[in-house]
Amino acid sequence: MSLDQHEIEIFGCWQMICGRMVEDANCHRIRALVANELQLVAVSQDGWEKLHRDPRDGRFWEYSHPQSEIQGGGPPTLRAVTRENAMEKY
């Protein structure tokens, strides 16, 4: 499972199925990429955002929970960030 060269962001979503919240395929893809392919580089001071790097091409990816007001932090998002933005923030 790799990242498409043209992909900028992967948005996870929670779905209500049979009365319970279930992660969609994008959530599973994000978690697999973070666990198996990307290297953790840095964590934001509040701990909600994490910077990862793809060892194959050097691109930086930010893992976050933009809907953090939802219980459990909400579904994850993985987005490409420039090296400059990564160095500024982390």
C-alpha atoms as a PDB file:
ATOM      1  CA  MET A   1       0.000   0.000   0.000  1.00  0.00           C
ATOM      2  CA  SER A   2       1.805   3.098  -1.149  1.00  0.00           C
ATOM      3  CA  LEU A   3       0.979   6.754  -1.570  1.00  0.00           C
ATOM      4  CA  ASP A   4       0.028   7.990  -5.021  1.00  0.00           C
ATOM      5  CA  GLN A   5       2.457  10.605  -6.363  1.00  0.00           C
ATOM      6  CA  HIS A   6      -0.469  12.967  -7.062  1.00  0.00           C
ATOM      7  CA  GLU A   7      -2.200  12.490  -3.743  1.00  0.00           C
ATOM      8  CA  ILE A   8      -2.090  15.499  -1.446  1.00  0.00           C
ATOM      9  CA  GLU A   9      -4.412  14.495   1.411  1.00  0.00           C
ATOM     10  CA  ILE A  10      -6.200  11.401   2.620  1.00  0.00           C
ATOM     11  CA  PHE A  11      -9.223  12.188   4.798  1.00  0.00           C
ATOM     12  CA  GLY A  12     -10.544   9.535   7.123  1.00  0.00           C
ATOM     13  CA  CYS A  13     -14.226   9.413   7.938  1.00  0.00           C
ATOM     14  CA  TRP A  14     -16.361   7.675  10.520  1.00  0.00           C
ATOM     15  CA  GLN A  15     -19.575   6.023   9.396  1.00  0.00           C
ATOM     16  CA  MET A  16     -22.573   4.902  11.414  1.00  0.00           C
ATOM     17  CA  ILE A  17     -23.210   1.248  10.560  1.00  0.00           C
ATOM     18  CA  CYS A  18     -25.734  -0.851  12.471  1.00  0.00           C
ATOM     19  CA  GLY A  19     -25.787   1.672  15.288  1.00  0.00           C
ATOM     20  CA  ARG A  20     -22.019   1.944  15.816  1.00  0.00           C
ATOM     21  CA  MET A  21     -19.272   4.183  14.503  1.00  0.00           C
ATOM     22  CA  VAL A  22     -16.927   2.443  12.075  1.00  0.00           C
ATOM     23  CA  GLU A  23     -13.774   3.764  10.404  1.00  0.00           C
ATOM     24  CA  ASP A  24     -13.897   3.974   6.615  1.00  0.00           C
ATOM     25  CA  ALA A  25     -11.291   2.552   4.218  1.00  0.00           C
ATOM     26  CA  ASN A  26      -9.310   5.823   4.288  1.00  0.00           C
ATOM     27  CA  CYS A  27      -8.876   5.554   8.078  1.00  0.00           C
ATOM     28  CA  HIS A  28      -7.545   2.033   7.652  1.00  0.00           C
ATOM     29  CA  ARG A  29      -5.223   3.154   4.843  1.00  0.00           C
ATOM     30  CA  ILE A  30      -3.853   6.047   6.917  1.00  0.00           C
ATOM     31  CA  ARG A  31      -3.204   3.789   9.913  1.00  0.00           C
ATOM     32  CA  ALA A  32      -1.479   1.173   7.730  1.00  0.00           C
ATOM     33  CA  LEU A  33       0.755   3.777   6.076  1.00  0.00           C
ATOM     34  CA  VAL A  34       1.735   5.310   9.415  1.00  0.00           C
ATOM     35  CA  ALA A  35       2.361   1.900  11.010  1.00  0.00           C
ATOM     36  CA  ASN A  36       4.146   0.170   8.134  1.00  0.00           C
ATOM     37  CA  GLU A  37       5.610   2.597   5.610  1.00  0.00           C
ATOM     38  CA  LEU A  38       6.221   6.066   7.002  1.00  0.00           C
ATOM     39  CA  GLN A  39       8.868   7.007   9.566  1.00  0.00           C
ATOM     40  CA  LEU A  40       7.944   9.184  12.521  1.00  0.00           C
ATOM     41  CA  VAL A  41      10.086  12.334  12.498  1.00  0.00           C
ATOM     42  CA  ALA A  42       8.520  14.691  15.055  1.00  0.00           C
ATOM     43  CA  VAL A  43       5.476  15.324  17.226  1.00  0.00           C
ATOM     44  CA  SER A  44       3.836  18.710  17.794  1.00  0.00           C
ATOM     45  CA  GLN A  45       4.034  20.200  21.286  1.00  0.00           C
ATOM     46  CA  ASP A  46       0.401  19.361  22.008  1.00  0.00           C
ATOM     47  CA  GLY A  47       0.848  15.817  20.671  1.00  0.00           C
ATOM     48  CA  TRP A  48      -2.100  15.992  18.243  1.00  0.00           C
ATOM     49  CA  GLU A  49      -0.034  16.275  15.052  1.00  0.00           C
ATOM     50  CA  LYS A  50       2.810  14.033  13.945  1.00  0.00           C
ATOM     51  CA  LEU A  51       5.298  14.533  11.150  1.00  0.00           C
ATOM     52  CA  HIS A  52       6.281  11.469   9.123  1.00  0.00           C
ATOM     53  CA  ARG A  53       8.658  10.964   6.221  1.00  0.00           C
ATOM     54  CA  ASP A  54       8.370   8.514   3.357  1.00  0.00           C
ATOM     55  CA  PRO A  55      11.780   6.763   3.220  1.00  0.00           C
ATOM     56  CA  ARG A  56      11.335   5.962  -0.467  1.00  0.00           C
ATOM     57  CA  ASP A  57      11.028   9.504  -1.796  1.00  0.00           C
ATOM     58  CA  GLY A  58      11.743  11.766   1.207  1.00  0.00           C
ATOM     59  CA  ARG A  59       8.331  13.467   1.178  1.00  0.00           C
ATOM     60  CA  PHE A  60       6.934  14.705   4.486  1.00  0.00           C
ATOM     61  CA  TRP A  61       3.442  13.789   5.673  1.00  0.00           C
ATOM     62  CA  GLU A  62       1.504  15.251   8.580  1.00  0.00           C
ATOM     63  CA  TYR A  63      -0.828  12.968  10.528  1.00  0.00           C
ATOM     64  CA  SER A  64      -3.527  14.878  12.379  1.00  0.00           C
ATOM     65  CA  HIS A  65      -7.082  14.851  13.692  1.00  0.00           C
ATOM     66  CA  PRO A  66      -8.719  18.003  12.280  1.00  0.00           C
ATOM     67  CA  GLN A  67     -12.012  17.199  14.014  1.00  0.00           C
ATOM     68  CA  SER A  68     -10.343  16.925  17.428  1.00  0.00           C
ATOM     69  CA  GLU A  69     -13.494  18.212  19.140  1.00  0.00           C
ATOM     70  CA  ILE A  70     -15.093  14.803  18.458  1.00  0.00           C
ATOM     71  CA  GLN A  71     -14.687  12.206  21.207  1.00  0.00           C
ATOM     72  CA  GLY A  72     -11.520  10.205  20.641  1.00  0.00           C
ATOM     73  CA  GLY A  73     -10.025  12.916  18.458  1.00  0.00           C
ATOM     74  CA  GLY A  74     -12.134  12.204  15.395  1.00  0.00           C
ATOM     75  CA  PRO A  75     -10.984  10.464  12.230  1.00  0.00           C
ATOM     76  CA  PRO A  76      -7.384  10.945  11.054  1.00  0.00           C
ATOM     77  CA  THR A  77      -6.038  12.900   8.090  1.00  0.00           C
ATOM     78  CA  LEU A  78      -2.707  12.426   6.360  1.00  0.00           C
ATOM     79  CA  ARG A  79      -1.486  15.291   4.185  1.00  0.00           C
ATOM     80  CA  ALA A  80       1.668  16.084   2.282  1.00  0.00           C
ATOM     81  CA  VAL A  81       3.631  19.069   3.582  1.00  0.00           C
ATOM     82  CA  THR A  82       6.659  20.801   2.142  1.00  0.00           C
ATOM     83  CA  ARG A  83      10.021  20.429   3.827  1.00  0.00           C
ATOM     84  CA  GLU A  84       9.942  24.143   4.614  1.00  0.00           C
ATOM     85  CA  ASN A  85       6.540  23.905   6.319  1.00  0.00           C
ATOM     86  CA  ALA A  86       7.657  20.840   8.237  1.00  0.00           C
ATOM     87  CA  MET A  87      10.819  22.549   9.510  1.00  0.00           C
ATOM     88  CA  GLU A  88       8.879  25.686  10.515  1.00  0.00           C
ATOM     89  CA  LYS A  89       6.253  23.804  12.467  1.00  0.00           C
ATOM     90  CA  TYR A  90       8.317  20.999  13.974  1.00  0.00           C
END
